[in-house]
Amino acid sequence: MQNEFEDKIILVTGGTGSIGSELVRQILKYRPKQVRVLSRNETRQYHLLEALRYPKNLRMLIGDIRDRERLQLAFKNVDIVFHTAALKHVPFCEYNPSEAMKTNIAGSHNVIDAALHAGVEKVIAISTDKVANPLNVLGVSKLMMEKLFINSNFFLGDRIKLSCVRFGNVAWADGSVLPMWTKQAEVNGAINVTNKDATRFLMSIKQAVNLTLKAAQLCLGGEVFILKMPSIRLQNLAEMFIKKYHSRKKIKIKYTGDRAGDKLHEDLIGLNDWNNEVWANNEMFILVPTTHIHNLNVEPHSYENFKKNESSSSFSSQDHLDIKKVERIV
């Protein structure tokens, strides 16, 4: 990691969010020449500066990835980009599909374009398990983002490396279920659960950031990096949350029914993902796309301490339930 980031200029889009801000904290440890945070929220930028005690090599840039001109300026002389900015809430993307398209698809295209023109070496983009066998607007928009990053390597690979990391649900991230339950328990004495039988993958913020940093270290261009993570039923997660944080209070569970766009189970690897070349170790999968485009020869990839995975079944949350592992995350 030291060799990857030392003396480099690194930019984080959405750098004041849960993942973005922790990325900034971790990257600063590796003595980069400069870290740039690009986000829309000036108050969050101020709070991040305060929390980090105003490091001399940190720059705060107000901007939106929908703004191509702003990106062209922000990306000047940058070596590595971590693209975390996105619309990520399933119901809001269902109700505002055009906004999801503008940010998750068009905004991501702007990031690629600005990075290419600025001579950036690598861009690592944050994706989601919603892209595997997609059902909702969020999943479809993020799948298109993945395709932009992966397929752009076919004709840009000698100039820039573009890769993605695919997350499950990130415990205690802004807007996620655990902080929401905390507020509901304090105010209402009850927490809302959509569907007790639904299952979700869960990872910690630390795991998410470590995966992203490792992707920057390993990427050759065009990959999707996926952490092997446990899953849990929402009913079990709710019971675990109450026992761990509110054992002295009588907190009730209210079942509210599925929201628009909700899936019963999530997939980290969809059935169609096995059309790619899949590498694996004990920690993660790496999806490497194959292509049959006429006259296009793609150099084969290989990764130290990884083996080719020959399985062809989906990696579904209903098949990887592990309460003990999730308990360590929550």
C-alpha atoms as a PDB file:
ATOM      1  CA  MET A   1       0.000   0.000   0.000  1.00  0.00           C
ATOM      2  CA  GLN A   2       2.846   2.357   0.787  1.00  0.00           C
ATOM      3  CA  ASN A   3       4.241   1.938  -2.724  1.00  0.00           C
ATOM      4  CA  GLU A   4       0.766   2.361  -4.206  1.00  0.00           C
ATOM      5  CA  PHE A   5      -0.079   5.714  -2.615  1.00  0.00           C
ATOM      6  CA  GLU A   6       3.093   7.414  -1.400  1.00  0.00           C
ATOM      7  CA  ASP A   7       3.790  10.736  -3.164  1.00  0.00           C
ATOM      8  CA  LYS A   8       0.659  10.298  -5.326  1.00  0.00           C
ATOM      9  CA  ILE A   9      -2.231  12.707  -5.826  1.00  0.00           C
ATOM     10  CA  ILE A  10      -5.437  10.833  -5.015  1.00  0.00           C
ATOM     11  CA  LEU A  11      -9.013  12.020  -5.468  1.00  0.00           C
ATOM     12  CA  VAL A  12     -12.109  10.563  -3.792  1.00  0.00           C
ATOM     13  CA  THR A  13     -15.522  11.389  -5.271  1.00  0.00           C
ATOM     14  CA  GLY A  14     -18.208  11.357  -2.594  1.00  0.00           C
ATOM     15  CA  GLY A  15     -15.336  11.706  -0.165  1.00  0.00           C
ATOM     16  CA  THR A  16     -17.461  12.845   2.781  1.00  0.00           C
ATOM     17  CA  GLY A  17     -19.697   9.758   2.809  1.00  0.00           C
ATOM     18  CA  SER A  18     -19.182   6.776   5.110  1.00  0.00           C
ATOM     19  CA  ILE A  19     -16.935   4.885   2.695  1.00  0.00           C
ATOM     20  CA  GLY A  20     -15.353   7.938   1.079  1.00  0.00           C
ATOM     21  CA  SER A  21     -14.339   9.578   4.354  1.00  0.00           C
ATOM     22  CA  GLU A  22     -12.838   6.346   5.729  1.00  0.00           C
ATOM     23  CA  LEU A  23     -10.926   5.907   2.464  1.00  0.00           C
ATOM     24  CA  VAL A  24      -9.513   9.396   2.972  1.00  0.00           C
ATOM     25  CA  ARG A  25      -8.470   8.554   6.543  1.00  0.00           C
ATOM     26  CA  GLN A  26      -6.714   5.367   5.474  1.00  0.00           C
ATOM     27  CA  ILE A  27      -5.002   6.820   2.399  1.00  0.00           C
ATOM     28  CA  LEU A  28      -3.550   9.686   4.449  1.00  0.00           C
ATOM     29  CA  LYS A  29      -1.587   7.093   6.453  1.00  0.00           C
ATOM     30  CA  TYR A  30       0.448   6.180   3.343  1.00  0.00           C
ATOM     31  CA  ARG A  31       1.991   9.631   2.887  1.00  0.00           C
ATOM     32  CA  PRO A  32       0.329  10.703  -0.368  1.00  0.00           C
ATOM     33  CA  LYS A  33       1.419  13.962  -1.929  1.00  0.00           C
ATOM     34  CA  GLN A  34      -2.187  15.156  -1.825  1.00  0.00           C
ATOM     35  CA  VAL A  35      -5.684  13.823  -1.205  1.00  0.00           C
ATOM     36  CA  ARG A  36      -8.608  15.624  -2.829  1.00  0.00           C
ATOM     37  CA  VAL A  37     -12.163  15.216  -1.597  1.00  0.00           C
ATOM     38  CA  LEU A  38     -14.876  16.003  -4.142  1.00  0.00           C
ATOM     39  CA  SER A  39     -18.410  16.197  -2.752  1.00  0.00           C
ATOM     40  CA  ARG A  40     -21.499  18.406  -2.719  1.00  0.00           C
ATOM     41  CA  ASN A  41     -21.925  18.917   1.030  1.00  0.00           C
ATOM     42  CA  GLU A  42     -19.816  21.743   2.465  1.00  0.00           C
ATOM     43  CA  THR A  43     -20.909  21.017   6.053  1.00  0.00           C
ATOM     44  CA  ARG A  44     -19.670  17.444   5.825  1.00  0.00           C
ATOM     45  CA  GLN A  45     -16.423  18.683   4.338  1.00  0.00           C
ATOM     46  CA  TYR A  46     -15.967  21.012   7.312  1.00  0.00           C
ATOM     47  CA  HIS A  47     -16.683  18.192   9.769  1.00  0.00           C
ATOM     48  CA  LEU A  48     -14.188  15.910   8.021  1.00  0.00           C
ATOM     49  CA  LEU A  49     -11.499  18.590   8.153  1.00  0.00           C
ATOM     50  CA  GLU A  50     -12.151  19.064  11.855  1.00  0.00           C
ATOM     51  CA  ALA A  51     -12.027  15.331  12.527  1.00  0.00           C
ATOM     52  CA  LEU A  52      -8.740  14.957  10.635  1.00  0.00           C
ATOM     53  CA  ARG A  53      -7.248  18.113  12.219  1.00  0.00           C
ATOM     54  CA  TYR A  54      -6.552  19.928   8.968  1.00  0.00           C
ATOM     55  CA  PRO A  55      -3.764  17.874   7.335  1.00  0.00           C
ATOM     56  CA  LYS A  56      -1.651  19.989   4.984  1.00  0.00           C
ATOM     57  CA  ASN A  57      -2.033  17.574   2.082  1.00  0.00           C
ATOM     58  CA  LEU A  58      -5.858  17.439   2.143  1.00  0.00           C
ATOM     59  CA  ARG A  59      -7.907  19.527  -0.304  1.00  0.00           C
ATOM     60  CA  MET A  60     -11.678  19.986  -0.183  1.00  0.00           C
ATOM     61  CA  LEU A  61     -13.458  20.542  -3.507  1.00  0.00           C
ATOM     62  CA  ILE A  62     -17.157  21.370  -3.723  1.00  0.00           C
ATOM     63  CA  GLY A  63     -18.571  19.725  -6.827  1.00  0.00           C
ATOM     64  CA  ASP A  64     -20.908  17.220  -8.429  1.00  0.00           C
ATOM     65  CA  ILE A  65     -19.931  14.357 -10.723  1.00  0.00           C
ATOM     66  CA  ARG A  66     -22.745  15.515 -13.042  1.00  0.00           C
ATOM     67  CA  ASP A  67     -20.675  18.661 -13.732  1.00  0.00           C
ATOM     68  CA  ARG A  68     -18.161  17.770 -16.456  1.00  0.00           C
ATOM     69  CA  GLU A  69     -16.285  21.077 -16.290  1.00  0.00           C
ATOM     70  CA  ARG A  70     -15.816  20.818 -12.539  1.00  0.00           C
ATOM     71  CA  LEU A  71     -14.443  17.295 -12.899  1.00  0.00           C
ATOM     72  CA  GLN A  72     -11.959  18.366 -15.580  1.00  0.00           C
ATOM     73  CA  LEU A  73     -10.504  20.900 -13.144  1.00  0.00           C
ATOM     74  CA  ALA A  74     -10.648  18.666 -10.051  1.00  0.00           C
ATOM     75  CA  PHE A  75      -8.872  15.778 -11.819  1.00  0.00           C
ATOM     76  CA  LYS A  76      -5.890  17.814 -12.999  1.00  0.00           C
ATOM     77  CA  ASN A  77      -2.594  16.009 -12.172  1.00  0.00           C
ATOM     78  CA  VAL A  78      -4.406  13.255 -10.240  1.00  0.00           C
ATOM     79  CA  ASP A  79      -2.816   9.776 -10.205  1.00  0.00           C
ATOM     80  CA  ILE A  80      -5.565   7.595  -8.662  1.00  0.00           C
ATOM     81  CA  VAL A  81      -9.325   8.120  -8.324  1.00  0.00           C
ATOM     82  CA  PHE A  82     -11.712   6.329  -5.966  1.00  0.00           C
ATOM     83  CA  HIS A  83     -15.239   6.850  -7.262  1.00  0.00           C
ATOM     84  CA  THR A  84     -17.690   6.470  -4.361  1.00  0.00           C
ATOM     85  CA  ALA A  85     -20.266   9.164  -5.268  1.00  0.00           C
ATOM     86  CA  ALA A  86     -23.685   7.686  -6.063  1.00  0.00           C
ATOM     87  CA  LEU A  87     -27.400   7.613  -5.397  1.00  0.00           C
ATOM     88  CA  LYS A  88     -27.758   4.404  -3.404  1.00  0.00           C
ATOM     89  CA  HIS A  89     -31.180   4.156  -1.716  1.00  0.00           C
ATOM     90  CA  VAL A  90     -33.453   1.644  -3.428  1.00  0.00           C
ATOM     91  CA  PRO A  91     -36.856   3.380  -2.894  1.00  0.00           C
ATOM     92  CA  PHE A  92     -35.551   6.839  -3.855  1.00  0.00           C
ATOM     93  CA  CYS A  93     -34.002   5.489  -7.042  1.00  0.00           C
ATOM     94  CA  GLU A  94     -37.312   3.760  -7.847  1.00  0.00           C
ATOM     95  CA  TYR A  95     -39.169   7.062  -7.446  1.00  0.00           C
ATOM     96  CA  ASN A  96     -36.463   9.162  -9.151  1.00  0.00           C
ATOM     97  CA  PRO A  97     -35.109   6.962 -11.962  1.00  0.00           C
ATOM     98  CA  SER A  98     -33.921   9.868 -14.091  1.00  0.00           C
ATOM     99  CA  GLU A  99     -31.869  11.215 -11.171  1.00  0.00           C
ATOM    100  CA  ALA A 100     -30.327   7.786 -10.608  1.00  0.00           C
ATOM    101  CA  MET A 101     -29.408   7.728 -14.292  1.00  0.00           C
ATOM    102  CA  LYS A 102     -27.847  11.212 -14.151  1.00  0.00           C
ATOM    103  CA  THR A 103     -25.654  10.379 -11.159  1.00  0.00           C
ATOM    104  CA  ASN A 104     -24.911   6.661 -11.349  1.00  0.00           C
ATOM    105  CA  ILE A 105     -24.584   6.366 -15.132  1.00  0.00           C
ATOM    106  CA  ALA A 106     -23.935   9.791 -16.687  1.00  0.00           C
ATOM    107  CA  GLY A 107     -21.939  10.967 -13.657  1.00  0.00           C
ATOM    108  CA  SER A 108     -19.781   7.838 -13.775  1.00  0.00           C
ATOM    109  CA  HIS A 109     -19.185   8.392 -17.486  1.00  0.00           C
ATOM    110  CA  ASN A 110     -18.052  11.924 -16.637  1.00  0.00           C
ATOM    111  CA  VAL A 111     -15.592  10.469 -14.109  1.00  0.00           C
ATOM    112  CA  ILE A 112     -14.093   8.151 -16.739  1.00  0.00           C
ATOM    113  CA  ASP A 113     -13.885  10.952 -19.288  1.00  0.00           C
ATOM    114  CA  ALA A 114     -12.236  13.403 -16.883  1.00  0.00           C
ATOM    115  CA  ALA A 115      -9.793  10.745 -15.669  1.00  0.00           C
ATOM    116  CA  LEU A 116      -8.803   9.861 -19.226  1.00  0.00           C
ATOM    117  CA  HIS A 117      -8.160  13.475 -20.227  1.00  0.00           C
ATOM    118  CA  ALA A 118      -6.227  14.165 -17.009  1.00  0.00           C
ATOM    119  CA  GLY A 119      -3.927  11.181 -17.486  1.00  0.00           C
ATOM    120  CA  VAL A 120      -5.104   9.376 -14.338  1.00  0.00           C
ATOM    121  CA  GLU A 121      -3.450   5.960 -13.831  1.00  0.00           C
ATOM    122  CA  LYS A 122      -6.306   4.100 -12.107  1.00  0.00           C
ATOM    123  CA  VAL A 123      -9.966   4.577 -11.219  1.00  0.00           C
ATOM    124  CA  ILE A 124     -11.665   2.248  -8.731  1.00  0.00           C
ATOM    125  CA  ALA A 125     -15.466   2.568  -8.644  1.00  0.00           C
ATOM    126  CA  ILE A 126     -17.835   1.379  -5.911  1.00  0.00           C
ATOM    127  CA  SER A 127     -20.620  -0.930  -7.049  1.00  0.00           C
ATOM    128  CA  THR A 128     -23.250  -2.978  -5.215  1.00  0.00           C
ATOM    129  CA  ASP A 129     -24.652  -6.494  -4.956  1.00  0.00           C
ATOM    130  CA  LYS A 130     -27.844  -5.044  -6.475  1.00  0.00           C
ATOM    131  CA  VAL A 131     -26.217  -5.370  -9.930  1.00  0.00           C
ATOM    132  CA  ALA A 132     -26.270  -9.194  -9.800  1.00  0.00           C
ATOM    133  CA  ASN A 133     -29.560 -10.406 -11.308  1.00  0.00           C
ATOM    134  CA  PRO A 134     -30.854  -6.792 -11.064  1.00  0.00           C
ATOM    135  CA  LEU A 135     -34.470  -6.068 -10.182  1.00  0.00           C
ATOM    136  CA  ASN A 136     -34.564  -2.378  -9.267  1.00  0.00           C
ATOM    137  CA  VAL A 137     -33.446   0.973 -10.684  1.00  0.00           C
ATOM    138  CA  LEU A 138     -30.436   1.111  -8.365  1.00  0.00           C
ATOM    139  CA  GLY A 139     -29.226  -2.295  -9.556  1.00  0.00           C
ATOM    140  CA  VAL A 140     -29.731  -1.498 -13.236  1.00  0.00           C
ATOM    141  CA  SER A 141     -28.053   1.913 -12.975  1.00  0.00           C
ATOM    142  CA  LYS A 142     -25.081   0.483 -11.088  1.00  0.00           C
ATOM    143  CA  LEU A 143     -24.825  -2.418 -13.528  1.00  0.00           C
ATOM    144  CA  MET A 144     -24.548   0.110 -16.347  1.00  0.00           C
ATOM    145  CA  MET A 145     -21.854   1.885 -14.331  1.00  0.00           C
ATOM    146  CA  GLU A 146     -19.962  -1.403 -14.015  1.00  0.00           C
ATOM    147  CA  LYS A 147     -20.278  -1.995 -17.773  1.00  0.00           C
ATOM    148  CA  LEU A 148     -18.920   1.492 -18.488  1.00  0.00           C
ATOM    149  CA  PHE A 149     -15.877   0.856 -16.323  1.00  0.00           C
ATOM    150  CA  ILE A 150     -15.242  -2.687 -17.502  1.00  0.00           C
ATOM    151  CA  ASN A 151     -15.857  -2.292 -21.218  1.00  0.00           C
ATOM    152  CA  SER A 152     -13.978   0.991 -21.475  1.00  0.00           C
ATOM    153  CA  ASN A 153     -10.817  -1.010 -20.764  1.00  0.00           C
ATOM    154  CA  PHE A 154     -11.220  -2.723 -24.153  1.00  0.00           C
ATOM    155  CA  PHE A 155     -10.186   0.454 -25.948  1.00  0.00           C
ATOM    156  CA  LEU A 156      -8.585   2.541 -23.153  1.00  0.00           C
ATOM    157  CA  GLY A 157      -6.644  -0.170 -21.309  1.00  0.00           C
ATOM    158  CA  ASP A 158      -3.240   1.000 -22.507  1.00  0.00           C
ATOM    159  CA  ARG A 159      -3.898   4.502 -21.141  1.00  0.00           C
ATOM    160  CA  ILE A 160      -5.821   3.964 -17.898  1.00  0.00           C
ATOM    161  CA  LYS A 161      -6.913   1.102 -15.627  1.00  0.00           C
ATOM    162  CA  LEU A 162     -10.614   1.041 -14.692  1.00  0.00           C
ATOM    163  CA  SER A 163     -11.989  -1.460 -12.165  1.00  0.00           C
ATOM    164  CA  CYS A 164     -14.909  -1.883  -9.731  1.00  0.00           C
ATOM    165  CA  VAL A 165     -15.498  -3.247  -6.253  1.00  0.00           C
ATOM    166  CA  ARG A 166     -18.888  -4.772  -5.497  1.00  0.00           C
ATOM    167  CA  PHE A 167     -20.228  -4.231  -1.963  1.00  0.00           C
ATOM    168  CA  GLY A 168     -22.969  -5.877   0.025  1.00  0.00           C
ATOM    169  CA  ASN A 169     -24.785  -3.878   2.699  1.00  0.00           C
ATOM    170  CA  VAL A 170     -22.272  -1.875   4.753  1.00  0.00           C
ATOM    171  CA  ALA A 171     -23.010  -1.974   8.476  1.00  0.00           C
ATOM    172  CA  TRP A 172     -23.350   1.455  10.132  1.00  0.00           C
ATOM    173  CA  ALA A 173     -22.904   3.369   6.869  1.00  0.00           C
ATOM    174  CA  ASP A 174     -24.913   6.584   6.555  1.00  0.00           C
ATOM    175  CA  GLY A 175     -28.511   5.817   5.675  1.00  0.00           C
ATOM    176  CA  SER A 176     -28.171   2.087   6.365  1.00  0.00           C
ATOM    177  CA  VAL A 177     -30.536   0.089   8.539  1.00  0.00           C
ATOM    178  CA  LEU A 178     -28.541  -0.008  11.800  1.00  0.00           C
ATOM    179  CA  PRO A 179     -28.312   3.784  12.348  1.00  0.00           C
ATOM    180  CA  MET A 180     -31.974   4.017  11.348  1.00  0.00           C
ATOM    181  CA  TRP A 181     -32.940   1.364  13.900  1.00  0.00           C
ATOM    182  CA  THR A 182     -30.967   3.212  16.563  1.00  0.00           C
ATOM    183  CA  LYS A 183     -33.076   6.351  16.052  1.00  0.00           C
ATOM    184  CA  GLN A 184     -36.322   4.397  15.808  1.00  0.00           C
ATOM    185  CA  ALA A 185     -35.606   2.533  19.043  1.00  0.00           C
ATOM    186  CA  GLU A 186     -34.847   5.767  20.904  1.00  0.00           C
ATOM    187  CA  VAL A 187     -37.864   7.690  19.610  1.00  0.00           C
ATOM    188  CA  ASN A 188     -40.529   5.027  19.085  1.00  0.00           C
ATOM    189  CA  GLY A 189     -39.471   2.101  21.240  1.00  0.00           C
ATOM    190  CA  ALA A 190     -39.796  -0.071  18.146  1.00  0.00           C
ATOM    191  CA  ILE A 191     -37.827  -0.773  14.960  1.00  0.00           C
ATOM    192  CA  ASN A 192     -39.213  -1.339  11.468  1.00  0.00           C
ATOM    193  CA  VAL A 193     -38.312  -4.456   9.495  1.00  0.00           C
ATOM    194  CA  THR A 194     -39.534  -4.805   5.931  1.00  0.00           C
ATOM    195  CA  ASN A 195     -39.596  -8.595   5.519  1.00  0.00           C
ATOM    196  CA  LYS A 196     -38.496 -11.036   8.222  1.00  0.00           C
ATOM    197  CA  ASP A 197     -37.563 -13.683   5.641  1.00  0.00           C
ATOM    198  CA  ALA A 198     -35.442 -11.383   3.480  1.00  0.00           C
ATOM    199  CA  THR A 199     -31.688 -12.026   3.586  1.00  0.00           C
ATOM    200  CA  ARG A 200     -28.864  -9.527   3.108  1.00  0.00           C
ATOM    201  CA  PHE A 201     -25.092  -9.656   2.817  1.00  0.00           C
ATOM    202  CA  LEU A 202     -23.287  -7.589   5.433  1.00  0.00           C
ATOM    203  CA  MET A 203     -19.783  -6.126   5.615  1.00  0.00           C
ATOM    204  CA  SER A 204     -18.157  -3.562   7.896  1.00  0.00           C
ATOM    205  CA  ILE A 205     -16.913  -0.146   6.785  1.00  0.00           C
ATOM    206  CA  LYS A 206     -13.382  -1.361   7.522  1.00  0.00           C
ATOM    207  CA  GLN A 207     -13.857  -4.417   5.290  1.00  0.00           C
ATOM    208  CA  ALA A 208     -15.314  -2.279   2.516  1.00  0.00           C
ATOM    209  CA  VAL A 209     -12.389   0.133   2.600  1.00  0.00           C
ATOM    210  CA  ASN A 210      -9.789  -2.648   2.780  1.00  0.00           C
ATOM    211  CA  LEU A 211     -11.361  -4.309  -0.270  1.00  0.00           C
ATOM    212  CA  THR A 212     -11.235  -1.020  -2.165  1.00  0.00           C
ATOM    213  CA  LEU A 213      -7.583  -0.377  -1.310  1.00  0.00           C
ATOM    214  CA  LYS A 214      -6.619  -3.929  -2.256  1.00  0.00           C
ATOM    215  CA  ALA A 215      -8.436  -3.514  -5.562  1.00  0.00           C
ATOM    216  CA  ALA A 216      -6.273  -0.484  -6.315  1.00  0.00           C
ATOM    217  CA  GLN A 217      -3.221  -2.579  -5.567  1.00  0.00           C
ATOM    218  CA  LEU A 218      -4.274  -5.638  -7.602  1.00  0.00           C
ATOM    219  CA  CYS A 219      -6.131  -4.158 -10.557  1.00  0.00           C
ATOM    220  CA  LEU A 220      -4.908  -4.735 -14.083  1.00  0.00           C
ATOM    221  CA  GLY A 221      -7.997  -3.123 -15.584  1.00  0.00           C
ATOM    222  CA  GLY A 222     -11.524  -4.405 -16.158  1.00  0.00           C
ATOM    223  CA  GLU A 223     -12.023  -6.431 -12.990  1.00  0.00           C
ATOM    224  CA  VAL A 224     -14.811  -6.536 -10.437  1.00  0.00           C
ATOM    225  CA  PHE A 225     -13.528  -7.308  -6.930  1.00  0.00           C
ATOM    226  CA  ILE A 226     -16.003  -8.973  -4.540  1.00  0.00           C
ATOM    227  CA  LEU A 227     -15.453  -9.732  -0.863  1.00  0.00           C
ATOM    228  CA  LYS A 228     -16.687 -13.106   0.373  1.00  0.00           C
ATOM    229  CA  MET A 229     -19.049 -12.003   3.122  1.00  0.00           C
ATOM    230  CA  PRO A 230     -21.732 -13.555   5.349  1.00  0.00           C
ATOM    231  CA  SER A 231     -25.459 -12.935   5.119  1.00  0.00           C
ATOM    232  CA  ILE A 232     -28.312 -12.886   7.622  1.00  0.00           C
ATOM    233  CA  ARG A 233     -32.116 -12.862   7.725  1.00  0.00           C
ATOM    234  CA  LEU A 234     -33.522  -9.454   8.605  1.00  0.00           C
ATOM    235  CA  GLN A 235     -35.483 -10.924  11.515  1.00  0.00           C
ATOM    236  CA  ASN A 236     -32.277 -12.375  13.009  1.00  0.00           C
ATOM    237  CA  LEU A 237     -30.459  -9.094  12.413  1.00  0.00           C
ATOM    238  CA  ALA A 238     -33.184  -7.151  14.203  1.00  0.00           C
ATOM    239  CA  GLU A 239     -33.144  -9.546  17.169  1.00  0.00           C
ATOM    240  CA  MET A 240     -29.332  -9.350  17.318  1.00  0.00           C
ATOM    241  CA  PHE A 241     -29.454  -5.543  17.234  1.00  0.00           C
ATOM    242  CA  ILE A 242     -31.968  -5.339  20.105  1.00  0.00           C
ATOM    243  CA  LYS A 243     -30.057  -7.848  22.226  1.00  0.00           C
ATOM    244  CA  LYS A 244     -26.729  -6.096  21.686  1.00  0.00           C
ATOM    245  CA  TYR A 245     -27.747  -2.449  22.032  1.00  0.00           C
ATOM    246  CA  HIS A 246     -31.132  -2.338  23.798  1.00  0.00           C
ATOM    247  CA  SER A 247     -31.238  -5.400  26.048  1.00  0.00           C
ATOM    248  CA  ARG A 248     -32.576  -3.364  29.001  1.00  0.00           C
ATOM    249  CA  LYS A 249     -35.495  -1.917  27.061  1.00  0.00           C
ATOM    250  CA  LYS A 250     -38.534  -3.597  25.586  1.00  0.00           C
ATOM    251  CA  ILE A 251     -37.986  -2.744  21.939  1.00  0.00           C
ATOM    252  CA  LYS A 252     -40.627  -4.138  19.593  1.00  0.00           C
ATOM    253  CA  ILE A 253     -40.190  -5.210  15.972  1.00  0.00           C
ATOM    254  CA  LYS A 254     -42.748  -3.926  13.473  1.00  0.00           C
ATOM    255  CA  TYR A 255     -42.965  -5.665  10.115  1.00  0.00           C
ATOM    256  CA  THR A 256     -43.810  -3.089   7.456  1.00  0.00           C
ATOM    257  CA  GLY A 257     -43.650  -5.086   4.220  1.00  0.00           C
ATOM    258  CA  ASP A 258     -41.308  -4.815   1.246  1.00  0.00           C
ATOM    259  CA  ARG A 259     -40.474  -1.402  -0.155  1.00  0.00           C
ATOM    260  CA  ALA A 260     -40.588  -0.599  -3.855  1.00  0.00           C
ATOM    261  CA  GLY A 261     -37.694  -2.371  -5.563  1.00  0.00           C
ATOM    262  CA  ASP A 262     -36.778  -4.647  -2.640  1.00  0.00           C
ATOM    263  CA  LYS A 263     -35.542  -8.169  -3.393  1.00  0.00           C
ATOM    264  CA  LEU A 264     -36.127 -11.120  -1.102  1.00  0.00           C
ATOM    265  CA  HIS A 265     -32.522 -12.281  -1.485  1.00  0.00           C
ATOM    266  CA  GLU A 266     -29.405 -10.587  -2.868  1.00  0.00           C
ATOM    267  CA  ASP A 267     -26.607 -12.000  -5.028  1.00  0.00           C
ATOM    268  CA  LEU A 268     -22.939 -11.069  -4.968  1.00  0.00           C
ATOM    269  CA  ILE A 269     -22.362 -13.059  -8.140  1.00  0.00           C
ATOM    270  CA  GLY A 270     -25.242 -13.469 -10.580  1.00  0.00           C
ATOM    271  CA  LEU A 271     -25.768 -16.324 -13.001  1.00  0.00           C
ATOM    272  CA  ASN A 272     -24.542 -14.251 -15.932  1.00  0.00           C
ATOM    273  CA  ASP A 273     -21.370 -13.255 -14.078  1.00  0.00           C
ATOM    274  CA  TRP A 274     -20.023 -16.764 -14.634  1.00  0.00           C
ATOM    275  CA  ASN A 275     -19.656 -15.883 -18.323  1.00  0.00           C
ATOM    276  CA  ASN A 276     -16.586 -14.024 -17.062  1.00  0.00           C
ATOM    277  CA  GLU A 277     -13.337 -15.569 -15.908  1.00  0.00           C
ATOM    278  CA  VAL A 278     -13.523 -15.872 -12.113  1.00  0.00           C
ATOM    279  CA  TRP A 279     -10.496 -15.944  -9.796  1.00  0.00           C
ATOM    280  CA  ALA A 280     -10.760 -16.584  -6.066  1.00  0.00           C
ATOM    281  CA  ASN A 281      -8.866 -16.929  -2.801  1.00  0.00           C
ATOM    282  CA  ASN A 282     -10.152 -17.302   0.745  1.00  0.00           C
ATOM    283  CA  GLU A 283     -11.014 -13.612   0.951  1.00  0.00           C
ATOM    284  CA  MET A 284     -12.484 -12.488  -2.358  1.00  0.00           C
ATOM    285  CA  PHE A 285     -13.549 -13.157  -5.926  1.00  0.00           C
ATOM    286  CA  ILE A 286     -12.181 -11.334  -8.962  1.00  0.00           C
ATOM    287  CA  LEU A 287     -14.402 -11.249 -12.053  1.00  0.00           C
ATOM    288  CA  VAL A 288     -12.375 -10.743 -15.226  1.00  0.00           C
ATOM    289  CA  PRO A 289     -14.460 -10.070 -18.342  1.00  0.00           C
ATOM    290  CA  THR A 290     -13.941 -12.039 -21.524  1.00  0.00           C
ATOM    291  CA  THR A 291     -14.794 -10.578 -24.900  1.00  0.00           C
ATOM    292  CA  HIS A 292     -15.317 -11.838 -28.410  1.00  0.00           C
ATOM    293  CA  ILE A 293     -15.283  -8.460 -30.131  1.00  0.00           C
ATOM    294  CA  HIS A 294     -13.909  -8.801 -33.670  1.00  0.00           C
ATOM    295  CA  ASN A 295     -10.150  -8.169 -33.978  1.00  0.00           C
ATOM    296  CA  LEU A 296      -9.808  -7.379 -30.259  1.00  0.00           C
ATOM    297  CA  ASN A 297      -7.203  -9.372 -28.381  1.00  0.00           C
ATOM    298  CA  VAL A 298      -7.242  -8.965 -24.605  1.00  0.00           C
ATOM    299  CA  GLU A 299      -4.155  -9.926 -22.610  1.00  0.00           C
ATOM    300  CA  PRO A 300      -4.902 -12.764 -20.143  1.00  0.00           C
ATOM    301  CA  HIS A 301      -4.961 -11.804 -16.466  1.00  0.00           C
ATOM    302  CA  SER A 302      -3.454 -13.690 -13.545  1.00  0.00           C
ATOM    303  CA  TYR A 303      -3.249 -12.865  -9.844  1.00  0.00           C
ATOM    304  CA  GLU A 304      -0.726 -14.090  -7.313  1.00  0.00           C
ATOM    305  CA  ASN A 305      -2.232 -16.369  -4.630  1.00  0.00           C
ATOM    306  CA  PHE A 306      -5.540 -16.593  -6.547  1.00  0.00           C
ATOM    307  CA  LYS A 307      -6.878 -19.638  -8.400  1.00  0.00           C
ATOM    308  CA  LYS A 308      -9.409 -19.874 -11.201  1.00  0.00           C
ATOM    309  CA  ASN A 309     -12.841 -20.725  -9.834  1.00  0.00           C
ATOM    310  CA  GLU A 310     -14.759 -23.294 -11.861  1.00  0.00           C
ATOM    311  CA  SER A 311     -18.119 -22.985 -10.090  1.00  0.00           C
ATOM    312  CA  SER A 312     -21.111 -21.694 -12.036  1.00  0.00           C
ATOM    313  CA  SER A 313     -23.732 -21.154  -9.339  1.00  0.00           C
ATOM    314  CA  SER A 314     -24.905 -17.795  -8.034  1.00  0.00           C
ATOM    315  CA  PHE A 315     -23.492 -16.510  -4.733  1.00  0.00           C
ATOM    316  CA  SER A 316     -26.808 -15.797  -3.032  1.00  0.00           C
ATOM    317  CA  SER A 317     -27.522 -14.380   0.419  1.00  0.00           C
ATOM    318  CA  GLN A 318     -29.940 -17.223   1.155  1.00  0.00           C
ATOM    319  CA  ASP A 319     -27.076 -19.725   0.876  1.00  0.00           C
ATOM    320  CA  HIS A 320     -24.410 -18.007   3.019  1.00  0.00           C
ATOM    321  CA  LEU A 321     -26.181 -17.323   6.307  1.00  0.00           C
ATOM    322  CA  ASP A 322     -23.740 -16.991   9.218  1.00  0.00           C
ATOM    323  CA  ILE A 323     -25.078 -15.295  12.349  1.00  0.00           C
ATOM    324  CA  LYS A 324     -21.779 -15.500  14.259  1.00  0.00           C
ATOM    325  CA  LYS A 325     -19.808 -13.720  11.528  1.00  0.00           C
ATOM    326  CA  VAL A 326     -22.468 -11.044  11.177  1.00  0.00           C
ATOM    327  CA  GLU A 327     -22.507 -10.529  14.953  1.00  0.00           C
ATOM    328  CA  ARG A 328     -18.819  -9.567  14.809  1.00  0.00           C
ATOM    329  CA  ILE A 329     -19.654  -6.968  12.156  1.00  0.00           C
ATOM    330  CA  VAL A 330     -22.695  -5.480  13.896  1.00  0.00           C
END
